[in-house]
C-alpha atoms as a PDB file:
ATOM      1  CA  MET A   1      -0.117  -0.163   0.499  1.00  0.00           C
ATOM      2  CA  SER A   2       1.676   3.872  -1.134  1.00  0.00           C
ATOM      3  CA  SER A   3       2.405   5.544   1.599  1.00  0.00           C
ATOM      4  CA  PRO A   4       0.361   9.037   2.567  1.00  0.00           C
ATOM      5  CA  SER A   5       2.747  10.809   1.402  1.00  0.00           C
ATOM      6  CA  ARG A   6       2.993   8.913  -1.910  1.00  0.00           C
ATOM      7  CA  LYS A   7       0.094   9.589  -2.982  1.00  0.00           C
ATOM      8  CA  LEU A   8       0.219  13.227  -3.101  1.00  0.00           C
ATOM      9  CA  TRP A   9       3.501  14.050  -4.642  1.00  0.00           C
ATOM     10  CA  VAL A  10       3.317  10.934  -6.888  1.00  0.00           C
ATOM     11  CA  LEU A  11       1.132  11.110 -10.090  1.00  0.00           C
ATOM     12  CA  PHE A  12      -0.162   8.483 -11.718  1.00  0.00           C
ATOM     13  CA  ALA A  13      -1.215  10.773 -14.938  1.00  0.00           C
ATOM     14  CA  VAL A  14      -1.354  10.884 -18.367  1.00  0.00           C
ATOM     15  CA  LEU A  15      -0.234  13.804 -20.515  1.00  0.00           C
ATOM     16  CA  ALA A  16      -1.343  14.064 -24.085  1.00  0.00           C
ATOM     17  CA  ILE A  17       0.703  17.539 -25.546  1.00  0.00           C
ATOM     18  CA  ALA A  18       0.331  18.131 -28.634  1.00  0.00           C
ATOM     19  CA  LEU A  19       3.276  20.622 -29.408  1.00  0.00           C
ATOM     20  CA  ALA A  20       3.096  22.503 -32.783  1.00  0.00           C
ATOM     21  CA  LEU A  21       6.089  21.767 -35.144  1.00  0.00           C
ATOM     22  CA  PRO A  22       7.430  25.206 -36.706  1.00  0.00           C
ATOM     23  CA  SER A  23       9.553  25.662 -39.432  1.00  0.00           C
ATOM     24  CA  LEU A  24      13.150  25.289 -38.994  1.00  0.00           C
ATOM     25  CA  ALA A  25      16.234  27.682 -39.688  1.00  0.00           C
ATOM     26  CA  GLN A  26      19.624  25.865 -39.676  1.00  0.00           C
ATOM     27  CA  PRO A  27      22.356  27.894 -41.145  1.00  0.00           C
ATOM     28  CA  PRO A  28      24.837  25.462 -41.974  1.00  0.00           C
ATOM     29  CA  GLY A  29      27.717  27.770 -40.887  1.00  0.00           C
ATOM     30  CA  ALA A  30      26.194  28.101 -37.614  1.00  0.00           C
ATOM     31  CA  ALA A  31      27.630  25.169 -36.092  1.00  0.00           C
ATOM     32  CA  GLY A  32      29.782  23.484 -39.217  1.00  0.00           C
ATOM     33  CA  LYS A  33      27.816  21.730 -41.679  1.00  0.00           C
ATOM     34  CA  PRO A  34      28.253  17.144 -42.695  1.00  0.00           C
ATOM     35  CA  GLU A  35      29.956  16.781 -45.811  1.00  0.00           C
ATOM     36  CA  GLY A  36      27.319  16.926 -48.012  1.00  0.00           C
ATOM     37  CA  PRO A  37      24.038  18.202 -48.238  1.00  0.00           C
ATOM     38  CA  GLY A  38      22.425  18.406 -44.850  1.00  0.00           C
ATOM     39  CA  ILE A  39      22.076  19.573 -41.562  1.00  0.00           C
ATOM     40  CA  LYS A  40      24.577  19.378 -38.753  1.00  0.00           C
ATOM     41  CA  GLU A  41      24.016  18.374 -35.093  1.00  0.00           C
ATOM     42  CA  GLY A  42      21.740  21.458 -32.682  1.00  0.00           C
ATOM     43  CA  THR A  43      19.058  22.392 -30.957  1.00  0.00           C
ATOM     44  CA  ASP A  44      15.714  23.420 -32.850  1.00  0.00           C
ATOM     45  CA  CYS A  45      13.631  26.053 -30.984  1.00  0.00           C
ATOM     46  CA  TRP A  46       9.753  25.501 -30.985  1.00  0.00           C
ATOM     47  CA  VAL A  47       7.239  28.046 -30.157  1.00  0.00           C
ATOM     48  CA  THR A  48       3.881  25.879 -28.910  1.00  0.00           C
ATOM     49  CA  ASP A  49       0.512  27.474 -30.455  1.00  0.00           C
ATOM     50  CA  PRO A  50      -1.711  28.785 -28.674  1.00  0.00           C
ATOM     51  CA  GLY A  51      -5.290  26.785 -28.462  1.00  0.00           C
ATOM     52  CA  LYS A  52      -3.313  23.717 -30.132  1.00  0.00           C
ATOM     53  CA  THR A  53      -1.837  21.804 -26.485  1.00  0.00           C
ATOM     54  CA  GLU A  54      -3.934  20.082 -23.650  1.00  0.00           C
ATOM     55  CA  ALA A  55      -3.331  17.858 -20.868  1.00  0.00           C
ATOM     56  CA  THR A  56      -5.464  15.318 -19.362  1.00  0.00           C
ATOM     57  CA  LEU A  57      -4.140  14.292 -15.384  1.00  0.00           C
ATOM     58  CA  PHE A  58      -5.292  11.845 -12.691  1.00  0.00           C
ATOM     59  CA  LEU A  59      -4.880  13.155  -9.550  1.00  0.00           C
ATOM     60  CA  PRO A  60      -4.726  10.873  -6.062  1.00  0.00           C
ATOM     61  CA  ARG A  61      -6.687  11.126  -3.412  1.00  0.00           C
ATOM     62  CA  ASP A  62      -5.681  14.351  -1.560  1.00  0.00           C
ATOM     63  CA  ALA A  63      -3.363  16.107  -4.098  1.00  0.00           C
ATOM     64  CA  CYS A  64      -6.412  18.519  -3.877  1.00  0.00           C
ATOM     65  CA  GLY A  65      -6.710  19.045   0.173  1.00  0.00           C
ATOM     66  CA  ALA A  66      -6.952  16.616   2.619  1.00  0.00           C
ATOM     67  CA  GLY A  67      -9.947  14.491   1.750  1.00  0.00           C
ATOM     68  CA  SER A  68     -10.245  15.069  -1.813  1.00  0.00           C
ATOM     69  CA  LYS A  69     -11.350  12.620  -4.048  1.00  0.00           C
ATOM     70  CA  PRO A  70      -8.712  10.720  -6.686  1.00  0.00           C
ATOM     71  CA  ALA A  71     -10.322  12.777 -10.305  1.00  0.00           C
ATOM     72  CA  HIS A  72      -9.284  13.660 -13.732  1.00  0.00           C
ATOM     73  CA  VAL A  73      -8.524  17.348 -14.550  1.00  0.00           C
ATOM     74  CA  HIS A  74      -8.267  18.306 -18.207  1.00  0.00           C
ATOM     75  CA  PHE A  75      -6.840  21.522 -19.438  1.00  0.00           C
ATOM     76  CA  ALA A  76      -5.634  23.758 -22.240  1.00  0.00           C
ATOM     77  CA  LEU A  77      -1.662  24.700 -22.086  1.00  0.00           C
ATOM     78  CA  LYS A  78       0.186  27.477 -23.765  1.00  0.00           C
ATOM     79  CA  GLY A  79       4.028  28.127 -23.428  1.00  0.00           C
ATOM     80  CA  VAL A  80       5.550  30.707 -20.926  1.00  0.00           C
ATOM     81  CA  PRO A  81       8.528  32.044 -23.084  1.00  0.00           C
ATOM     82  CA  LEU A  82      11.824  30.403 -21.321  1.00  0.00           C
ATOM     83  CA  SER A  83      14.621  32.989 -19.833  1.00  0.00           C
ATOM     84  CA  LEU A  84      16.936  34.867 -22.586  1.00  0.00           C
ATOM     85  CA  ALA A  85      19.964  33.105 -20.661  1.00  0.00           C
ATOM     86  CA  ASP A  86      18.208  29.948 -21.497  1.00  0.00           C
ATOM     87  CA  ALA A  87      16.835  31.167 -24.830  1.00  0.00           C
ATOM     88  CA  LYS A  88      20.726  32.100 -25.717  1.00  0.00           C
ATOM     89  CA  ALA A  89      21.850  28.608 -24.211  1.00  0.00           C
ATOM     90  CA  CYS A  90      20.074  26.927 -26.751  1.00  0.00           C
ATOM     91  CA  GLY A  91      20.719  28.541 -29.687  1.00  0.00           C
ATOM     92  CA  CYS A  92      17.192  30.084 -30.140  1.00  0.00           C
ATOM     93  CA  GLN A  93      16.433  33.416 -31.619  1.00  0.00           C
ATOM     94  CA  VAL A  94      16.244  36.403 -29.339  1.00  0.00           C
ATOM     95  CA  ASP A  95      14.637  40.027 -30.636  1.00  0.00           C
ATOM     96  CA  THR A  96      16.328  42.814 -29.928  1.00  0.00           C
ATOM     97  CA  MET A  97      14.719  46.237 -29.637  1.00  0.00           C
ATOM     98  CA  ILE A  98      16.117  49.766 -29.711  1.00  0.00           C
ATOM     99  CA  THR A  99      14.334  52.526 -27.938  1.00  0.00           C
ATOM    100  CA  TYR A 100      15.393  55.759 -28.664  1.00  0.00           C
ATOM    101  CA  LEU A 101      14.684  58.803 -26.147  1.00  0.00           C
ATOM    102  CA  ASP A 102      14.809  62.804 -25.980  1.00  0.00           C
ATOM    103  CA  PRO A 103      15.681  64.311 -23.363  1.00  0.00           C
ATOM    104  CA  HIS A 104      12.525  64.251 -21.110  1.00  0.00           C
ATOM    105  CA  GLY A 105      12.267  60.224 -21.403  1.00  0.00           C
ATOM    106  CA  ASN A 106       9.532  60.307 -24.836  1.00  0.00           C
ATOM    107  CA  VAL A 107      10.189  57.637 -26.842  1.00  0.00           C
ATOM    108  CA  LEU A 108      10.931  58.505 -29.663  1.00  0.00           C
ATOM    109  CA  GLN A 109       9.908  57.248 -33.515  1.00  0.00           C
ATOM    110  CA  GLU A 110      13.595  56.837 -35.410  1.00  0.00           C
ATOM    111  CA  ARG A 111      16.579  58.375 -34.055  1.00  0.00           C
ATOM    112  CA  THR A 112      17.457  61.696 -34.298  1.00  0.00           C
ATOM    113  CA  ARG A 113      19.311  64.252 -32.790  1.00  0.00           C
ATOM    114  CA  HIS A 114      17.305  64.953 -29.972  1.00  0.00           C
ATOM    115  CA  ALA A 115      17.497  61.162 -29.139  1.00  0.00           C
ATOM    116  CA  VAL A 116      19.896  61.758 -26.045  1.00  0.00           C
ATOM    117  CA  LYS A 117      19.192  57.905 -24.643  1.00  0.00           C
ATOM    118  CA  GLN A 118      19.422  54.428 -26.572  1.00  0.00           C
ATOM    119  CA  VAL A 119      17.465  51.722 -24.602  1.00  0.00           C
ATOM    120  CA  THR A 120      18.253  48.179 -25.656  1.00  0.00           C
ATOM    121  CA  THR A 121      15.296  45.601 -25.001  1.00  0.00           C
ATOM    122  CA  GLU A 122      15.100  41.554 -25.947  1.00  0.00           C
ATOM    123  CA  THR A 123      13.055  39.099 -25.658  1.00  0.00           C
ATOM    124  CA  THR A 124      12.129  35.646 -26.755  1.00  0.00           C
ATOM    125  CA  LYS A 125       8.882  33.869 -27.811  1.00  0.00           C
ATOM    126  CA  VAL A 126      10.339  30.164 -27.704  1.00  0.00           C
ATOM    127  CA  ASP A 127       9.231  27.982 -24.854  1.00  0.00           C
ATOM    128  CA  THR A 128      11.050  24.462 -26.050  1.00  0.00           C
ATOM    129  CA  CYS A 129      13.873  23.260 -27.070  1.00  0.00           C
ATOM    130  CA  ILE A 130      14.837  20.419 -28.234  1.00  0.00           C
ATOM    131  CA  ARG A 131      18.357  19.031 -29.062  1.00  0.00           C
ATOM    132  CA  ARG A 132      19.921  16.970 -32.361  1.00  0.00           C
ATOM    133  CA  SER A 133      22.628  14.454 -31.710  1.00  0.00           C
ATOM    134  CA  LYS A 134      22.962  13.497 -34.757  1.00  0.00           C
ATOM    135  CA  ASP A 135      23.575  14.961 -38.529  1.00  0.00           C
ATOM    136  CA  ALA A 136      21.112  15.181 -41.413  1.00  0.00           C
ATOM    137  CA  LYS A 137      22.689  13.452 -44.634  1.00  0.00           C
ATOM    138  CA  PHE A 138      20.803  13.539 -47.120  1.00  0.00           C
ATOM    139  CA  HIS A 139      21.105  11.201 -49.780  1.00  0.00           C
ATOM    140  CA  GLY A 140      18.640  12.765 -52.407  1.00  0.00           C
ATOM    141  CA  LYS A 141      15.160  14.253 -52.468  1.00  0.00           C
ATOM    142  CA  GLY A 142      12.330  12.929 -51.181  1.00  0.00           C
ATOM    143  CA  VAL A 143      14.628  10.723 -49.561  1.00  0.00           C
ATOM    144  CA  ALA A 144      13.912  10.471 -45.321  1.00  0.00           C
ATOM    145  CA  GLU A 145      16.369  10.897 -42.690  1.00  0.00           C
ATOM    146  CA  LYS A 146      15.814   9.844 -39.455  1.00  0.00           C
ATOM    147  CA  VAL A 147      17.896  11.827 -36.545  1.00  0.00           C
ATOM    148  CA  ASP A 148      17.724  11.262 -32.678  1.00  0.00           C
ATOM    149  CA  ILE A 149      16.292  14.179 -30.686  1.00  0.00           C
ATOM    150  CA  GLN A 150      16.173  14.830 -27.169  1.00  0.00           C
ATOM    151  CA  LEU A 151      14.399  17.502 -25.053  1.00  0.00           C
ATOM    152  CA  VAL A 152      16.894  20.068 -23.080  1.00  0.00           C
ATOM    153  CA  GLN A 153      13.933  22.709 -22.070  1.00  0.00           C
ATOM    154  CA  LEU A 154      10.273  22.837 -21.995  1.00  0.00           C
ATOM    155  CA  SER A 155       7.756  25.844 -20.404  1.00  0.00           C
ATOM    156  CA  LEU A 156       4.141  25.217 -20.292  1.00  0.00           C
ATOM    157  CA  GLN A 157       1.258  26.604 -18.539  1.00  0.00           C
ATOM    158  CA  SER A 158      -2.381  26.220 -18.041  1.00  0.00           C
ATOM    159  CA  GLU A 159      -4.059  28.945 -19.627  1.00  0.00           C
ATOM    160  CA  LYS A 160      -7.152  29.690 -17.393  1.00  0.00           C
ATOM    161  CA  PRO A 161      -7.593  28.541 -13.632  1.00  0.00           C
ATOM    162  CA  VAL A 162      -7.719  24.573 -12.640  1.00  0.00           C
ATOM    163  CA  PRO A 163     -10.211  24.022 -10.606  1.00  0.00           C
ATOM    164  CA  CYS A 164      -9.061  21.171  -8.097  1.00  0.00           C
ATOM    165  CA  GLY A 165     -11.387  19.953  -5.135  1.00  0.00           C
ATOM    166  CA  THR A 166     -12.236  23.214  -3.551  1.00  0.00           C
ATOM    167  CA  LYS A 167      -9.410  24.891  -4.554  1.00  0.00           C
ATOM    168  CA  THR A 168      -8.255  26.447  -7.780  1.00  0.00           C
ATOM    169  CA  PHE A 169      -4.388  26.489  -9.371  1.00  0.00           C
ATOM    170  CA  THR A 170      -2.497  27.112 -12.518  1.00  0.00           C
ATOM    171  CA  ILE A 171      -0.121  24.843 -13.252  1.00  0.00           C
ATOM    172  CA  CYS A 172       2.921  24.954 -14.771  1.00  0.00           C
ATOM    173  CA  VAL A 173       4.981  21.837 -17.249  1.00  0.00           C
ATOM    174  CA  THR A 174       8.602  22.608 -17.033  1.00  0.00           C
ATOM    175  CA  GLU A 175      11.420  19.774 -18.489  1.00  0.00           C
ATOM    176  CA  SER A 176      12.893  17.381 -15.156  1.00  0.00           C
ATOM    177  CA  SER A 177      16.369  17.837 -14.186  1.00  0.00           C
ATOM    178  CA  VAL A 178      17.083  14.129 -15.701  1.00  0.00           C
ATOM    179  CA  GLN A 179      16.406  12.808 -19.222  1.00  0.00           C
ATOM    180  CA  ASP A 180      16.261  10.060 -20.224  1.00  0.00           C
ATOM    181  CA  THR A 181      19.462   8.573 -22.684  1.00  0.00           C
ATOM    182  CA  ASP A 182      18.071   5.202 -23.594  1.00  0.00           C
ATOM    183  CA  LYS A 183      14.371   5.952 -25.966  1.00  0.00           C
ATOM    184  CA  PRO A 184      13.679   6.229 -28.766  1.00  0.00           C
ATOM    185  CA  SER A 185      13.370   9.704 -29.338  1.00  0.00           C
ATOM    186  CA  SER A 186      13.727  10.954 -32.664  1.00  0.00           C
ATOM    187  CA  MET A 187      11.999  12.933 -35.947  1.00  0.00           C
ATOM    188  CA  THR A 188      12.626  12.839 -40.015  1.00  0.00           C
ATOM    189  CA  PHE A 189      13.525  15.232 -42.737  1.00  0.00           C
ATOM    190  CA  THR A 190      12.646  14.809 -45.821  1.00  0.00           C
ATOM    191  CA  PRO A 191      14.173  17.335 -48.667  1.00  0.00           C
ATOM    192  CA  THR A 192      12.138  19.012 -51.282  1.00  0.00           C
ATOM    193  CA  THR A 193      15.743  20.372 -52.761  1.00  0.00           C
ATOM    194  CA  LEU A 194      19.035  19.780 -52.409  1.00  0.00           C
ATOM    195  CA  GLY A 195      22.629  21.556 -52.682  1.00  0.00           C
ATOM    196  CA  ARG A 196      24.604  24.156 -50.111  1.00  0.00           C
ATOM    197  CA  LEU A 197      21.142  25.036 -49.197  1.00  0.00           C
ATOM    198  CA  SER A 198      18.791  22.750 -49.249  1.00  0.00           C
ATOM    199  CA  LYS A 199      15.135  22.799 -48.035  1.00  0.00           C
ATOM    200  CA  GLY A 200      11.573  20.308 -47.168  1.00  0.00           C
ATOM    201  CA  ASN A 201      10.003  18.758 -44.718  1.00  0.00           C
ATOM    202  CA  VAL A 202      10.088  17.538 -40.772  1.00  0.00           C
ATOM    203  CA  LYS A 203       7.934  15.504 -38.933  1.00  0.00           C
ATOM    204  CA  LEU A 204       8.260  14.663 -35.060  1.00  0.00           C
ATOM    205  CA  GLU A 205       8.454  10.908 -35.516  1.00  0.00           C
ATOM    206  CA  ARG A 206       8.565  10.713 -31.395  1.00  0.00           C
ATOM    207  CA  LEU A 207       9.888  12.615 -28.230  1.00  0.00           C
ATOM    208  CA  HIS A 208      10.638  10.870 -24.872  1.00  0.00           C
ATOM    209  CA  ILE A 209      10.742  13.242 -22.175  1.00  0.00           C
ATOM    210  CA  ARG A 210      10.361  13.532 -18.234  1.00  0.00           C
ATOM    211  CA  TYR A 211       8.375  16.478 -16.627  1.00  0.00           C
ATOM    212  CA  ASP A 212       7.659  17.997 -13.856  1.00  0.00           C
ATOM    213  CA  VAL A 213       4.171  19.679 -13.047  1.00  0.00           C
ATOM    214  CA  THR A 214       3.872  22.246 -10.441  1.00  0.00           C
ATOM    215  CA  PHE A 215       0.576  23.783  -8.763  1.00  0.00           C
ATOM    216  CA  ILE A 216       0.883  28.120  -7.884  1.00  0.00           C
ATOM    217  CA  ALA A 217      -1.580  29.748  -7.235  1.00  0.00           C
ATOM    218  CA  ALA A 218      -4.149  30.906  -9.391  1.00  0.00           C
ATOM    219  CA  GLY A 219      -3.139  34.037 -11.584  1.00  0.00           C
ATOM    220  CA  GLY A 220       0.129  33.091 -10.798  1.00  0.00           C
ATOM    221  CA  SER A 221       3.054  33.301 -13.661  1.00  0.00           C
ATOM    222  CA  CYS A 222       5.023  29.478 -14.354  1.00  0.00           C
ATOM    223  CA  ALA A 223       7.775  32.303 -15.323  1.00  0.00           C
ATOM    224  CA  ASP A 224       8.463  33.104 -12.086  1.00  0.00           C
ATOM    225  CA  LEU A 225       9.238  29.567 -10.566  1.00  0.00           C
ATOM    226  CA  PRO A 226      10.415  28.228  -8.171  1.00  0.00           C
ATOM    227  CA  LYS A 227       8.749  31.564  -6.479  1.00  0.00           C
ATOM    228  CA  GLY A 228       4.686  30.213  -5.385  1.00  0.00           C
ATOM    229  CA  ALA A 229       5.300  26.727  -6.189  1.00  0.00           C
ATOM    230  CA  LEU A 230       2.358  25.561  -3.747  1.00  0.00           C
ATOM    231  CA  PHE A 231       3.959  21.765  -4.449  1.00  0.00           C
ATOM    232  CA  THR A 232       4.992  19.748  -6.850  1.00  0.00           C
ATOM    233  CA  LEU A 233       4.647  16.544  -9.084  1.00  0.00           C
ATOM    234  CA  PRO A 234       7.468  15.356 -10.396  1.00  0.00           C
ATOM    235  CA  ASP A 235      10.620  13.085 -12.882  1.00  0.00           C
ATOM    236  CA  GLN A 236       6.783  11.839 -15.074  1.00  0.00           C
ATOM    237  CA  ARG A 237       7.284  10.526 -17.930  1.00  0.00           C
ATOM    238  CA  LEU A 238       5.451  11.315 -21.420  1.00  0.00           C
ATOM    239  CA  ASP A 239       5.997   9.335 -25.229  1.00  0.00           C
ATOM    240  CA  LEU A 240       5.036  11.985 -27.500  1.00  0.00           C
ATOM    241  CA  LYS A 241       4.134  11.275 -30.867  1.00  0.00           C
ATOM    242  CA  ASN A 242       2.742  14.199 -33.705  1.00  0.00           C
ATOM    243  CA  GLY A 243       0.538  11.642 -35.842  1.00  0.00           C
ATOM    244  CA  SER A 244       1.134  12.875 -39.443  1.00  0.00           C
ATOM    245  CA  ARG A 245       1.520  17.090 -38.987  1.00  0.00           C
ATOM    246  CA  LEU A 246       4.781  18.104 -40.952  1.00  0.00           C
ATOM    247  CA  GLY A 247       6.531  21.192 -39.882  1.00  0.00           C
ATOM    248  CA  THR A 248       9.089  22.735 -42.951  1.00  0.00           C
ATOM    249  CA  PHE A 249      12.778  23.098 -42.663  1.00  0.00           C
ATOM    250  CA  GLU A 250      14.862  25.990 -44.999  1.00  0.00           C
ATOM    251  CA  GLN A 251      18.762  26.855 -44.759  1.00  0.00           C
ATOM    252  CA  VAL A 252      19.191  30.215 -44.804  1.00  0.00           C
ATOM    253  CA  SER A 253      23.263  31.417 -44.970  1.00  0.00           C
ATOM    254  CA  PRO A 254      24.740  32.788 -42.441  1.00  0.00           C
END
């Protein structure tokens, strides 16, 4: 029989995530390139489409407060942008905006002789970082090449407060500190053009991940973790499959 603490902290759950697979741009000179047409190992940065990602959790007894019964909780998820440090560590795009101010602190539409201060702001929309640990070497148009992948960063949040027993929470989904390396995870590139700069289709085949589910007070932001964490259901496992959905890739000059 499980102990009370195990009932509280262990999640017997199925988390069904359909992450959008965006177009990928891999500058061939950024991380070297394989011999012949192909894509060098590296990282891909994903932005989760709003309204397209959902989760169903089976919560054990007492998870929603003393005396609460086991229950299924279904909710929609949205992406929470990674910190700038994490995004840069993954090699993800960071958008830079430069604002010019006049002597009174007013924002100028463009740089003029009245500008006395320049403010640089960096932002990112990326919420998921995936590592490709193998070169994709292309062997012909329409010939698929499978590469190994692994989750690096994951940052999702329930779109609305989620009722749980007599309480209401915001739910955060993040990567566990340790990811399995012995589970098959892969994506497939199928080039439609070949050359120094190729392009074509890319498909997520399977992504095995370990993830943590953290409950914070309703209305809180998962961007502030670990601040505000009430309790966490750690180290859950999921095999994510993306069905027949395709993305595209296009190599560009650095």
